[in-house]
Amino acid sequence: MAGGKILFIRGGAIGDFILTLPAIQLVRDTLPNARLEVLGYDSITSLAKASSLVAATRSIEHGPMAGFFVPDGKLDPELMDYFSSFSVVISYLYDSAGFFRANVERCRGGDFIQGPHVIDVSLTDQSAAMQLAKPLESLAMFLEQPYIELPRRDPDNGDAAWKKLITTSTRPRIALHPGSGSARKNWSFESWVDVAKQLQAKFPLAEFLIISGEAEDRSISEFLELIDHAKINCSHLAHVELPTLSNVLQQCDLFLGHDSGISHLAGACALPSLLLFGPTCPQLWAPKNPAVRTIQAPKGDLSRIKAEQVVKNAVEILST
C-alpha cells in the first residue's frame, strides 16, 4: 500500500469535509508515497487539492455515478476502471443497504473501509474529527491531532478578494460570518451589530470583513443594512471559492462566527477565532485548533449570550 492509490469519498457540507481532513492528513503523513484522491463535491474538495493534501479530486455528481447506488446497478466502464485503480477506498457515504459498497467491490478486489456518515452525538469525549478518523485504526493509523492547519497559498492572478484585502493597511481585520447552515445555530443580527459597534469603538481603525455564502443569501442584505446604518467600516465577500477564502482569512486578525463550515475553515487557517455555540456541543463540533475559543450559550439558548461577553473575549484575543 505504501506506493498505491487511496480514495476518500466524502459528501456533506463544508464543515463535514474539513472535519475529515485530519484523517486525510494522517494517511498522507503515514504513507507519503501513496497517491491520495478525493471523490466529493468540487466546490468543497477543491480546498484539499489547493492545499496539496491530495493529488486529485473528482465530482461525485457525475451522472453515471447513479448506477453505483442501486442493487446490481449498470456500472459505467470508465468509473469501474477508476475505482479498480485504488488499493483502498474509504467511504463516508450513507449506504445503509450496502448497495454502493457492493457495486464498488464489483470493480476491484482491494480494501473497502466504511466510515461514519453521521457523528455519534452521545460520544462527547470523542470529537467529530476523531470519530471520522476512527476507521483508519483498521490500517494501524491512529489520529493524535484532531485538526488541520492549511498552508498559505500564493494567490492566483484572479483572486481579487485576496488582493483587495492585502492592499489595505487598516488593522485589526475582523472577519465575521453571521450565519450557518441552520437558523437555530445563529445569534441575532442585532447582537452581532452591537458587538461590531463596541469593537469599533475600542479599535477605531478596525475593518470588518462580512462573509456570506449560500445559506445567507436570503438574509444577508438585512444584515448589511444594519451594519451600514451602524456606520461600521466593512466590506462584504459573498460566494468566494474556498481556496481564495482561506487566503483571505489568513490575512485577518480575528474570526467571529457560529458552529459552521466557515468557522472550521477559519480554524484550519490558524486564525484566532471566537465561536458561539447554542444547541450543538462544542466538545463534539468546535474546531480543535489551538487558536479557537468558544462560548457555550446557557441551556443552549443563544439569546442568553450577552454582547458584552463576546466583546470581552474578542478584545482579549486581539490584545494578545
C-alpha atoms as a PDB file:
ATOM      1  CA  MET A   1       0.000   0.000   0.000  1.00  0.00           C
ATOM      2  CA  ALA A   2       2.951   2.321   0.599  1.00  0.00           C
ATOM      3  CA  GLY A   3       3.087   3.323  -3.040  1.00  0.00           C
ATOM      4  CA  GLY A   4      -0.516   2.637  -4.009  1.00  0.00           C
ATOM      5  CA  LYS A   5      -3.582   4.794  -4.524  1.00  0.00           C
ATOM      6  CA  ILE A   6      -6.108   5.613  -1.809  1.00  0.00           C
ATOM      7  CA  LEU A   7      -9.513   7.151  -2.408  1.00  0.00           C
ATOM      8  CA  PHE A   8     -11.539   9.124   0.132  1.00  0.00           C
ATOM      9  CA  ILE A   9     -15.231   9.520  -0.691  1.00  0.00           C
ATOM     10  CA  ARG A  10     -16.825  12.384   1.206  1.00  0.00           C
ATOM     11  CA  GLY A  11     -20.105  14.164   0.604  1.00  0.00           C
ATOM     12  CA  GLY A  12     -21.685  16.600   3.033  1.00  0.00           C
ATOM     13  CA  ALA A  13     -21.192  20.296   3.636  1.00  0.00           C
ATOM     14  CA  ILE A  14     -18.027  22.368   4.133  1.00  0.00           C
ATOM     15  CA  GLY A  15     -17.711  21.598   7.842  1.00  0.00           C
ATOM     16  CA  ASP A  16     -18.167  17.865   7.286  1.00  0.00           C
ATOM     17  CA  PHE A  17     -15.346  17.872   4.769  1.00  0.00           C
ATOM     18  CA  ILE A  18     -12.947  19.939   6.867  1.00  0.00           C
ATOM     19  CA  LEU A  19     -13.586  17.657   9.840  1.00  0.00           C
ATOM     20  CA  THR A  20     -12.450  14.782   7.609  1.00  0.00           C
ATOM     21  CA  LEU A  21      -9.207  16.491   6.594  1.00  0.00           C
ATOM     22  CA  PRO A  22      -7.292  15.341   9.713  1.00  0.00           C
ATOM     23  CA  ALA A  23      -7.980  11.751   8.636  1.00  0.00           C
ATOM     24  CA  ILE A  24      -6.717  12.520   5.138  1.00  0.00           C
ATOM     25  CA  GLN A  25      -3.670  14.256   6.605  1.00  0.00           C
ATOM     26  CA  LEU A  26      -2.996  11.201   8.793  1.00  0.00           C
ATOM     27  CA  VAL A  27      -2.945   8.893   5.768  1.00  0.00           C
ATOM     28  CA  ARG A  28      -0.757  11.280   3.807  1.00  0.00           C
ATOM     29  CA  ASP A  29       1.752  11.578   6.671  1.00  0.00           C
ATOM     30  CA  THR A  30       1.773   7.827   7.328  1.00  0.00           C
ATOM     31  CA  LEU A  31       2.071   6.852   3.665  1.00  0.00           C
ATOM     32  CA  PRO A  32       3.942   9.711   1.995  1.00  0.00           C
ATOM     33  CA  ASN A  33       4.478   7.727  -1.222  1.00  0.00           C
ATOM     34  CA  ALA A  34       0.817   6.855  -1.696  1.00  0.00           C
ATOM     35  CA  ARG A  35      -1.351   8.827  -4.098  1.00  0.00           C
ATOM     36  CA  LEU A  36      -4.423  10.231  -2.363  1.00  0.00           C
ATOM     37  CA  GLU A  37      -7.549  11.317  -4.197  1.00  0.00           C
ATOM     38  CA  VAL A  38     -10.987  12.558  -3.116  1.00  0.00           C
ATOM     39  CA  LEU A  39     -14.408  11.959  -4.617  1.00  0.00           C
ATOM     40  CA  GLY A  40     -16.880  14.610  -3.495  1.00  0.00           C
ATOM     41  CA  TYR A  41     -18.367  17.994  -4.340  1.00  0.00           C
ATOM     42  CA  ASP A  42     -15.987  20.039  -6.486  1.00  0.00           C
ATOM     43  CA  SER A  43     -16.631  23.341  -4.722  1.00  0.00           C
ATOM     44  CA  ILE A  44     -15.562  21.787  -1.417  1.00  0.00           C
ATOM     45  CA  THR A  45     -12.890  19.247  -2.356  1.00  0.00           C
ATOM     46  CA  SER A  46     -11.008  21.998  -4.205  1.00  0.00           C
ATOM     47  CA  LEU A  47      -9.712  23.039  -0.788  1.00  0.00           C
ATOM     48  CA  ALA A  48      -7.850  19.735  -0.367  1.00  0.00           C
ATOM     49  CA  LYS A  49      -6.367  19.944  -3.862  1.00  0.00           C
ATOM     50  CA  ALA A  50      -5.282  23.586  -3.476  1.00  0.00           C
ATOM     51  CA  SER A  51      -3.654  22.754  -0.141  1.00  0.00           C
ATOM     52  CA  SER A  52      -1.752  19.802  -1.659  1.00  0.00           C
ATOM     53  CA  LEU A  53      -3.376  17.314   0.706  1.00  0.00           C
ATOM     54  CA  VAL A  54      -4.480  15.178  -2.227  1.00  0.00           C
ATOM     55  CA  ALA A  55      -3.216  14.715  -5.750  1.00  0.00           C
ATOM     56  CA  ALA A  56      -6.585  14.860  -7.490  1.00  0.00           C
ATOM     57  CA  THR A  57     -10.316  15.276  -6.938  1.00  0.00           C
ATOM     58  CA  ARG A  58     -13.371  14.093  -8.829  1.00  0.00           C
ATOM     59  CA  SER A  59     -17.021  15.115  -8.734  1.00  0.00           C
ATOM     60  CA  ILE A  60     -19.475  12.768  -7.071  1.00  0.00           C
ATOM     61  CA  GLU A  61     -22.222  14.493  -9.064  1.00  0.00           C
ATOM     62  CA  HIS A  62     -21.060  12.848 -12.286  1.00  0.00           C
ATOM     63  CA  GLY A  63     -24.215  11.384 -13.877  1.00  0.00           C
ATOM     64  CA  PRO A  64     -23.018   7.790 -14.393  1.00  0.00           C
ATOM     65  CA  MET A  65     -22.312   7.543 -10.636  1.00  0.00           C
ATOM     66  CA  ALA A  66     -26.049   6.884 -10.160  1.00  0.00           C
ATOM     67  CA  GLY A  67     -25.616   3.235 -11.167  1.00  0.00           C
ATOM     68  CA  PHE A  68     -23.498   2.609  -8.072  1.00  0.00           C
ATOM     69  CA  PHE A  69     -26.356   3.424  -5.701  1.00  0.00           C
ATOM     70  CA  VAL A  70     -28.811   0.727  -6.805  1.00  0.00           C
ATOM     71  CA  PRO A  71     -28.538  -3.054  -6.309  1.00  0.00           C
ATOM     72  CA  ASP A  72     -26.602  -4.705  -9.124  1.00  0.00           C
ATOM     73  CA  GLY A  73     -26.584  -1.409 -10.969  1.00  0.00           C
ATOM     74  CA  LYS A  74     -25.429  -0.958 -14.531  1.00  0.00           C
ATOM     75  CA  LEU A  75     -21.920   0.355 -13.987  1.00  0.00           C
ATOM     76  CA  ASP A  76     -20.139   2.824 -16.223  1.00  0.00           C
ATOM     77  CA  PRO A  77     -16.958   1.142 -17.590  1.00  0.00           C
ATOM     78  CA  GLU A  78     -14.848   4.262 -17.104  1.00  0.00           C
ATOM     79  CA  LEU A  79     -15.926   4.521 -13.466  1.00  0.00           C
ATOM     80  CA  MET A  80     -15.255   0.837 -12.970  1.00  0.00           C
ATOM     81  CA  ASP A  81     -11.691   1.410 -14.149  1.00  0.00           C
ATOM     82  CA  TYR A  82     -11.480   4.426 -11.849  1.00  0.00           C
ATOM     83  CA  PHE A  83     -12.486   2.504  -8.721  1.00  0.00           C
ATOM     84  CA  SER A  84     -10.361  -0.508  -9.664  1.00  0.00           C
ATOM     85  CA  SER A  85      -7.246   1.698  -9.678  1.00  0.00           C
ATOM     86  CA  PHE A  86      -7.346   2.187  -5.875  1.00  0.00           C
ATOM     87  CA  SER A  87      -5.830  -0.181  -3.345  1.00  0.00           C
ATOM     88  CA  VAL A  88      -8.011   1.282  -0.583  1.00  0.00           C
ATOM     89  CA  VAL A  89     -11.364   3.056  -0.738  1.00  0.00           C
ATOM     90  CA  ILE A  90     -12.543   4.930   2.387  1.00  0.00           C
ATOM     91  CA  SER A  91     -16.164   5.999   2.082  1.00  0.00           C
ATOM     92  CA  TYR A  92     -18.251   8.246   4.330  1.00  0.00           C
ATOM     93  CA  LEU A  93     -21.369   7.993   2.186  1.00  0.00           C
ATOM     94  CA  TYR A  94     -24.702   6.934   3.625  1.00  0.00           C
ATOM     95  CA  ASP A  95     -25.055   3.344   2.426  1.00  0.00           C
ATOM     96  CA  SER A  96     -27.306   1.512   4.897  1.00  0.00           C
ATOM     97  CA  ALA A  97     -28.215  -1.250   2.451  1.00  0.00           C
ATOM     98  CA  GLY A  98     -24.633  -1.619   1.238  1.00  0.00           C
ATOM     99  CA  PHE A  99     -25.509  -1.104  -2.434  1.00  0.00           C
ATOM    100  CA  PHE A 100     -22.690   1.366  -3.092  1.00  0.00           C
ATOM    101  CA  ARG A 101     -20.085  -0.780  -1.385  1.00  0.00           C
ATOM    102  CA  ALA A 102     -21.215  -3.919  -3.240  1.00  0.00           C
ATOM    103  CA  ASN A 103     -21.028  -2.157  -6.585  1.00  0.00           C
ATOM    104  CA  VAL A 104     -17.590  -0.698  -5.876  1.00  0.00           C
ATOM    105  CA  GLU A 105     -16.374  -4.129  -4.843  1.00  0.00           C
ATOM    106  CA  ARG A 106     -17.602  -5.462  -8.183  1.00  0.00           C
ATOM    107  CA  CYS A 107     -14.904  -3.244  -9.729  1.00  0.00           C
ATOM    108  CA  ARG A 108     -11.991  -4.100  -7.508  1.00  0.00           C
ATOM    109  CA  GLY A 109     -10.524  -6.523  -5.021  1.00  0.00           C
ATOM    110  CA  GLY A 110      -8.831  -4.110  -2.613  1.00  0.00           C
ATOM    111  CA  ASP A 111      -9.900  -2.898   0.819  1.00  0.00           C
ATOM    112  CA  PHE A 112     -13.146  -1.001   1.317  1.00  0.00           C
ATOM    113  CA  ILE A 113     -13.407   0.880   4.612  1.00  0.00           C
ATOM    114  CA  GLN A 114     -16.770   2.255   5.664  1.00  0.00           C
ATOM    115  CA  GLY A 115     -16.571   5.442   7.709  1.00  0.00           C
ATOM    116  CA  PRO A 116     -19.426   7.014   9.675  1.00  0.00           C
ATOM    117  CA  HIS A 117     -21.788   9.181   7.642  1.00  0.00           C
ATOM    118  CA  VAL A 118     -23.065  10.854  10.829  1.00  0.00           C
ATOM    119  CA  ILE A 119     -21.394  11.719  14.115  1.00  0.00           C
ATOM    120  CA  ASP A 120     -22.460   9.880  17.275  1.00  0.00           C
ATOM    121  CA  VAL A 121     -23.538  12.811  19.462  1.00  0.00           C
ATOM    122  CA  SER A 122     -23.542  10.602  22.568  1.00  0.00           C
ATOM    123  CA  LEU A 123     -19.741  10.274  22.378  1.00  0.00           C
ATOM    124  CA  THR A 124     -18.959  13.722  23.727  1.00  0.00           C
ATOM    125  CA  ASP A 125     -15.473  12.557  24.706  1.00  0.00           C
ATOM    126  CA  GLN A 126     -14.659  11.922  21.039  1.00  0.00           C
ATOM    127  CA  SER A 127     -14.686  14.964  18.777  1.00  0.00           C
ATOM    128  CA  ALA A 128     -16.177  14.696  15.306  1.00  0.00           C
ATOM    129  CA  ALA A 129     -12.723  14.648  13.723  1.00  0.00           C
ATOM    130  CA  MET A 130     -11.661  11.786  15.991  1.00  0.00           C
ATOM    131  CA  GLN A 131     -14.781   9.782  15.127  1.00  0.00           C
ATOM    132  CA  LEU A 132     -14.224  10.311  11.408  1.00  0.00           C
ATOM    133  CA  ALA A 133     -10.639   9.054  11.707  1.00  0.00           C
ATOM    134  CA  LYS A 134     -11.608   6.017  13.805  1.00  0.00           C
ATOM    135  CA  PRO A 135     -11.990   3.622  10.824  1.00  0.00           C
ATOM    136  CA  LEU A 136      -8.334   4.195   9.930  1.00  0.00           C
ATOM    137  CA  GLU A 137      -7.375   2.219  13.015  1.00  0.00           C
ATOM    138  CA  SER A 138      -8.015  -0.895  10.908  1.00  0.00           C
ATOM    139  CA  LEU A 139      -4.951   0.238   8.923  1.00  0.00           C
ATOM    140  CA  ALA A 140      -2.982   0.778  12.153  1.00  0.00           C
ATOM    141  CA  MET A 141      -3.311   4.555  11.843  1.00  0.00           C
ATOM    142  CA  PHE A 142      -4.293   6.459  14.980  1.00  0.00           C
ATOM    143  CA  LEU A 143      -5.175  10.141  14.939  1.00  0.00           C
ATOM    144  CA  GLU A 144      -3.412  12.246  17.568  1.00  0.00           C
ATOM    145  CA  GLN A 145      -4.035  15.768  16.224  1.00  0.00           C
ATOM    146  CA  PRO A 146      -7.786  16.233  15.572  1.00  0.00           C
ATOM    147  CA  TYR A 147      -7.363  19.368  13.494  1.00  0.00           C
ATOM    148  CA  ILE A 148      -5.521  20.578  10.432  1.00  0.00           C
ATOM    149  CA  GLU A 149      -3.554  23.703   9.614  1.00  0.00           C
ATOM    150  CA  LEU A 150      -3.839  24.696   5.984  1.00  0.00           C
ATOM    151  CA  PRO A 151      -0.672  26.015   4.336  1.00  0.00           C
ATOM    152  CA  ARG A 152      -0.526  29.521   2.956  1.00  0.00           C
ATOM    153  CA  ARG A 153      -1.044  29.614  -0.788  1.00  0.00           C
ATOM    154  CA  ASP A 154       0.164  32.205  -3.258  1.00  0.00           C
ATOM    155  CA  PRO A 155      -2.863  33.991  -4.720  1.00  0.00           C
ATOM    156  CA  ASP A 156      -3.868  33.452  -8.317  1.00  0.00           C
ATOM    157  CA  ASN A 157      -3.925  36.496 -10.552  1.00  0.00           C
ATOM    158  CA  GLY A 158      -7.697  36.407 -10.435  1.00  0.00           C
ATOM    159  CA  ASP A 159      -8.001  36.395  -6.647  1.00  0.00           C
ATOM    160  CA  ALA A 160      -9.396  39.922  -6.458  1.00  0.00           C
ATOM    161  CA  ALA A 161     -10.786  39.455  -2.951  1.00  0.00           C
ATOM    162  CA  TRP A 162      -7.368  38.477  -1.618  1.00  0.00           C
ATOM    163  CA  LYS A 163      -5.599  41.330  -3.405  1.00  0.00           C
ATOM    164  CA  LYS A 164      -8.083  43.912  -2.159  1.00  0.00           C
ATOM    165  CA  LEU A 165      -7.524  42.837   1.422  1.00  0.00           C
ATOM    166  CA  ILE A 166      -3.739  42.776   1.414  1.00  0.00           C
ATOM    167  CA  THR A 167      -3.544  46.239  -0.151  1.00  0.00           C
ATOM    168  CA  THR A 168      -5.470  47.637   2.801  1.00  0.00           C
ATOM    169  CA  SER A 169      -3.316  48.566   5.800  1.00  0.00           C
ATOM    170  CA  THR A 170      -6.244  49.003   8.188  1.00  0.00           C
ATOM    171  CA  ARG A 171      -5.954  46.811  11.310  1.00  0.00           C
ATOM    172  CA  PRO A 172      -7.261  44.888  13.037  1.00  0.00           C
ATOM    173  CA  ARG A 173      -9.102  42.948  10.365  1.00  0.00           C
ATOM    174  CA  ILE A 174     -12.061  41.137  11.853  1.00  0.00           C
ATOM    175  CA  ALA A 175     -13.834  38.502   9.765  1.00  0.00           C
ATOM    176  CA  LEU A 176     -17.471  37.969  10.712  1.00  0.00           C
ATOM    177  CA  HIS A 177     -19.724  35.207   9.415  1.00  0.00           C
ATOM    178  CA  PRO A 178     -23.185  35.937  10.838  1.00  0.00           C
ATOM    179  CA  GLY A 179     -24.822  32.735   9.605  1.00  0.00           C
ATOM    180  CA  SER A 180     -24.546  28.953   9.439  1.00  0.00           C
ATOM    181  CA  GLY A 181     -26.335  26.072   7.821  1.00  0.00           C
ATOM    182  CA  SER A 182     -29.119  26.216  10.419  1.00  0.00           C
ATOM    183  CA  ALA A 183     -31.011  29.218  11.770  1.00  0.00           C
ATOM    184  CA  ARG A 184     -31.177  27.667  15.230  1.00  0.00           C
ATOM    185  CA  LYS A 185     -27.375  27.896  15.482  1.00  0.00           C
ATOM    186  CA  ASN A 186     -27.317  31.632  14.719  1.00  0.00           C
ATOM    187  CA  TRP A 187     -27.083  34.567  17.112  1.00  0.00           C
ATOM    188  CA  SER A 188     -29.280  37.526  16.215  1.00  0.00           C
ATOM    189  CA  PHE A 189     -28.114  40.036  13.617  1.00  0.00           C
ATOM    190  CA  GLU A 190     -28.772  42.842  16.107  1.00  0.00           C
ATOM    191  CA  SER A 191     -26.413  41.241  18.626  1.00  0.00           C
ATOM    192  CA  TRP A 192     -23.630  40.911  16.074  1.00  0.00           C
ATOM    193  CA  VAL A 193     -24.063  44.549  15.053  1.00  0.00           C
ATOM    194  CA  ASP A 194     -23.870  45.541  18.727  1.00  0.00           C
ATOM    195  CA  VAL A 195     -20.582  43.639  19.024  1.00  0.00           C
ATOM    196  CA  ALA A 196     -19.216  45.291  15.883  1.00  0.00           C
ATOM    197  CA  LYS A 197     -20.124  48.754  17.207  1.00  0.00           C
ATOM    198  CA  GLN A 198     -18.420  48.105  20.539  1.00  0.00           C
ATOM    199  CA  LEU A 199     -15.301  46.689  18.900  1.00  0.00           C
ATOM    200  CA  GLN A 200     -15.086  49.618  16.509  1.00  0.00           C
ATOM    201  CA  ALA A 201     -15.298  51.963  19.482  1.00  0.00           C
ATOM    202  CA  LYS A 202     -12.350  50.155  21.085  1.00  0.00           C
ATOM    203  CA  PHE A 203     -10.419  49.768  17.815  1.00  0.00           C
ATOM    204  CA  PRO A 204     -11.299  52.796  15.641  1.00  0.00           C
ATOM    205  CA  LEU A 205      -9.153  51.549  12.737  1.00  0.00           C
ATOM    206  CA  ALA A 206     -10.770  48.116  12.681  1.00  0.00           C
ATOM    207  CA  GLU A 207     -12.128  46.809   9.389  1.00  0.00           C
ATOM    208  CA  PHE A 208     -14.816  44.140   9.359  1.00  0.00           C
ATOM    209  CA  LEU A 209     -14.985  41.566   6.611  1.00  0.00           C
ATOM    210  CA  ILE A 210     -18.536  40.210   6.349  1.00  0.00           C
ATOM    211  CA  ILE A 211     -18.589  36.705   4.880  1.00  0.00           C
ATOM    212  CA  SER A 212     -21.671  35.096   3.436  1.00  0.00           C
ATOM    213  CA  GLY A 213     -22.492  32.039   1.409  1.00  0.00           C
ATOM    214  CA  GLU A 214     -25.482  30.245   0.001  1.00  0.00           C
ATOM    215  CA  ALA A 215     -27.045  29.739   3.436  1.00  0.00           C
ATOM    216  CA  GLU A 216     -27.228  33.520   3.963  1.00  0.00           C
ATOM    217  CA  ASP A 217     -28.455  34.546   0.505  1.00  0.00           C
ATOM    218  CA  ARG A 218     -31.967  35.383   1.706  1.00  0.00           C
ATOM    219  CA  SER A 219     -30.932  37.278   4.817  1.00  0.00           C
ATOM    220  CA  ILE A 220     -27.530  38.883   4.284  1.00  0.00           C
ATOM    221  CA  SER A 221     -28.995  42.066   2.778  1.00  0.00           C
ATOM    222  CA  GLU A 222     -30.857  42.653   6.035  1.00  0.00           C
ATOM    223  CA  PHE A 223     -27.632  42.249   7.997  1.00  0.00           C
ATOM    224  CA  LEU A 224     -25.698  44.543   5.687  1.00  0.00           C
ATOM    225  CA  GLU A 225     -28.368  47.222   6.080  1.00  0.00           C
ATOM    226  CA  LEU A 226     -27.996  47.042   9.862  1.00  0.00           C
ATOM    227  CA  ILE A 227     -24.218  47.227   9.570  1.00  0.00           C
ATOM    228  CA  ASP A 228     -24.437  50.191   7.211  1.00  0.00           C
ATOM    229  CA  HIS A 229     -26.884  52.009   9.494  1.00  0.00           C
ATOM    230  CA  ALA A 230     -24.441  51.498  12.398  1.00  0.00           C
ATOM    231  CA  LYS A 231     -21.668  53.050  10.251  1.00  0.00           C
ATOM    232  CA  ILE A 232     -19.379  50.040  10.620  1.00  0.00           C
ATOM    233  CA  ASN A 233     -16.256  50.093   8.441  1.00  0.00           C
ATOM    234  CA  CYS A 234     -16.670  46.880   6.476  1.00  0.00           C
ATOM    235  CA  SER A 235     -16.519  45.060   3.172  1.00  0.00           C
ATOM    236  CA  HIS A 236     -18.553  42.079   2.030  1.00  0.00           C
ATOM    237  CA  LEU A 237     -17.365  38.812   0.480  1.00  0.00           C
ATOM    238  CA  ALA A 238     -20.042  36.505  -0.915  1.00  0.00           C
ATOM    239  CA  HIS A 239     -19.708  33.067  -2.516  1.00  0.00           C
ATOM    240  CA  VAL A 240     -15.919  33.137  -2.532  1.00  0.00           C
ATOM    241  CA  GLU A 241     -14.218  29.892  -3.536  1.00  0.00           C
ATOM    242  CA  LEU A 242     -12.797  28.096  -0.515  1.00  0.00           C
ATOM    243  CA  PRO A 243      -9.103  28.252  -1.529  1.00  0.00           C
ATOM    244  CA  THR A 244      -9.414  32.022  -2.030  1.00  0.00           C
ATOM    245  CA  LEU A 245     -11.378  32.449   1.192  1.00  0.00           C
ATOM    246  CA  SER A 246      -8.715  30.562   3.122  1.00  0.00           C
ATOM    247  CA  ASN A 247      -6.130  33.039   1.785  1.00  0.00           C
ATOM    248  CA  VAL A 248      -8.306  35.940   2.871  1.00  0.00           C
ATOM    249  CA  LEU A 249      -8.842  34.521   6.356  1.00  0.00           C
ATOM    250  CA  GLN A 250      -5.105  34.033   6.820  1.00  0.00           C
ATOM    251  CA  GLN A 251      -4.706  37.805   6.465  1.00  0.00           C
ATOM    252  CA  CYS A 252      -7.183  38.557   9.271  1.00  0.00           C
ATOM    253  CA  ASP A 253      -6.639  39.007  12.999  1.00  0.00           C
ATOM    254  CA  LEU A 254      -9.888  37.582  14.378  1.00  0.00           C
ATOM    255  CA  PHE A 255     -12.828  35.492  13.205  1.00  0.00           C
ATOM    256  CA  LEU A 256     -16.285  35.717  14.748  1.00  0.00           C
ATOM    257  CA  GLY A 257     -18.922  33.118  13.982  1.00  0.00           C
ATOM    258  CA  HIS A 258     -21.034  30.144  14.991  1.00  0.00           C
ATOM    259  CA  ASP A 259     -20.976  26.385  14.556  1.00  0.00           C
ATOM    260  CA  SER A 260     -20.494  26.488  10.780  1.00  0.00           C
ATOM    261  CA  GLY A 261     -18.318  25.242   7.973  1.00  0.00           C
ATOM    262  CA  ILE A 262     -16.721  28.662   7.538  1.00  0.00           C
ATOM    263  CA  SER A 263     -15.769  28.598  11.220  1.00  0.00           C
ATOM    264  CA  HIS A 264     -13.993  25.296  10.597  1.00  0.00           C
ATOM    265  CA  LEU A 265     -12.191  26.892   7.673  1.00  0.00           C
ATOM    266  CA  ALA A 266     -11.098  29.798   9.880  1.00  0.00           C
ATOM    267  CA  GLY A 267      -9.794  27.363  12.484  1.00  0.00           C
ATOM    268  CA  ALA A 268      -7.902  25.416   9.832  1.00  0.00           C
ATOM    269  CA  CYS A 269      -6.301  28.695   8.742  1.00  0.00           C
ATOM    270  CA  ALA A 270      -4.919  29.081  12.293  1.00  0.00           C
ATOM    271  CA  LEU A 271      -6.919  32.302  12.596  1.00  0.00           C
ATOM    272  CA  PRO A 272      -7.749  33.269  16.207  1.00  0.00           C
ATOM    273  CA  SER A 273     -11.475  32.595  16.389  1.00  0.00           C
ATOM    274  CA  LEU A 274     -14.350  33.185  18.774  1.00  0.00           C
ATOM    275  CA  LEU A 275     -17.298  30.897  18.097  1.00  0.00           C
ATOM    276  CA  LEU A 276     -20.751  30.959  19.670  1.00  0.00           C
ATOM    277  CA  PHE A 277     -22.468  27.633  20.307  1.00  0.00           C
ATOM    278  CA  GLY A 278     -26.139  27.212  21.127  1.00  0.00           C
ATOM    279  CA  PRO A 279     -27.919  23.869  20.704  1.00  0.00           C
ATOM    280  CA  THR A 280     -24.860  21.986  19.452  1.00  0.00           C
ATOM    281  CA  CYS A 281     -21.990  20.677  21.562  1.00  0.00           C
ATOM    282  CA  PRO A 282     -18.618  22.424  21.163  1.00  0.00           C
ATOM    283  CA  GLN A 283     -16.791  19.388  22.567  1.00  0.00           C
ATOM    284  CA  LEU A 284     -18.016  17.495  19.518  1.00  0.00           C
ATOM    285  CA  TRP A 285     -18.262  20.120  16.824  1.00  0.00           C
ATOM    286  CA  ALA A 286     -15.892  23.014  17.530  1.00  0.00           C
ATOM    287  CA  PRO A 287     -12.598  23.115  15.628  1.00  0.00           C
ATOM    288  CA  LYS A 288      -9.833  21.816  17.889  1.00  0.00           C
ATOM    289  CA  ASN A 289      -7.240  24.258  16.569  1.00  0.00           C
ATOM    290  CA  PRO A 290      -5.420  25.915  19.492  1.00  0.00           C
ATOM    291  CA  ALA A 291      -6.417  29.444  18.443  1.00  0.00           C
ATOM    292  CA  VAL A 292     -10.156  28.693  18.664  1.00  0.00           C
ATOM    293  CA  ARG A 293     -12.181  29.898  21.666  1.00  0.00           C
ATOM    294  CA  THR A 294     -15.844  29.027  22.189  1.00  0.00           C
ATOM    295  CA  ILE A 295     -18.738  30.437  24.188  1.00  0.00           C
ATOM    296  CA  GLN A 296     -21.482  27.944  25.041  1.00  0.00           C
ATOM    297  CA  ALA A 297     -24.910  29.515  25.406  1.00  0.00           C
ATOM    298  CA  PRO A 298     -26.627  28.803  28.759  1.00  0.00           C
ATOM    299  CA  LYS A 299     -29.086  25.933  28.241  1.00  0.00           C
ATOM    300  CA  GLY A 300     -28.302  26.077  24.524  1.00  0.00           C
ATOM    301  CA  ASP A 301     -30.169  29.365  24.133  1.00  0.00           C
ATOM    302  CA  LEU A 302     -28.091  31.767  22.050  1.00  0.00           C
ATOM    303  CA  SER A 303     -30.259  34.715  23.067  1.00  0.00           C
ATOM    304  CA  ARG A 304     -28.788  34.379  26.559  1.00  0.00           C
ATOM    305  CA  ILE A 305     -25.298  35.275  25.346  1.00  0.00           C
ATOM    306  CA  LYS A 306     -24.646  38.965  26.003  1.00  0.00           C
ATOM    307  CA  ALA A 307     -22.810  41.195  23.543  1.00  0.00           C
ATOM    308  CA  GLU A 308     -20.532  42.396  26.340  1.00  0.00           C
ATOM    309  CA  GLN A 309     -19.304  38.846  26.929  1.00  0.00           C
ATOM    310  CA  VAL A 310     -18.452  38.425  23.254  1.00  0.00           C
ATOM    311  CA  VAL A 311     -16.707  41.815  23.138  1.00  0.00           C
ATOM    312  CA  LYS A 312     -14.671  40.998  26.249  1.00  0.00           C
ATOM    313  CA  ASN A 313     -13.422  37.745  24.724  1.00  0.00           C
ATOM    314  CA  ALA A 314     -12.744  39.364  21.352  1.00  0.00           C
ATOM    315  CA  VAL A 315     -10.712  42.160  22.951  1.00  0.00           C
ATOM    316  CA  GLU A 316      -8.675  39.597  24.904  1.00  0.00           C
ATOM    317  CA  ILE A 317      -7.885  37.741  21.688  1.00  0.00           C
ATOM    318  CA  LEU A 318      -6.967  40.897  19.771  1.00  0.00           C
ATOM    319  CA  SER A 319      -4.787  42.103  22.643  1.00  0.00           C
ATOM    320  CA  THR A 320      -2.621  39.003  22.834  1.00  0.00           C
END
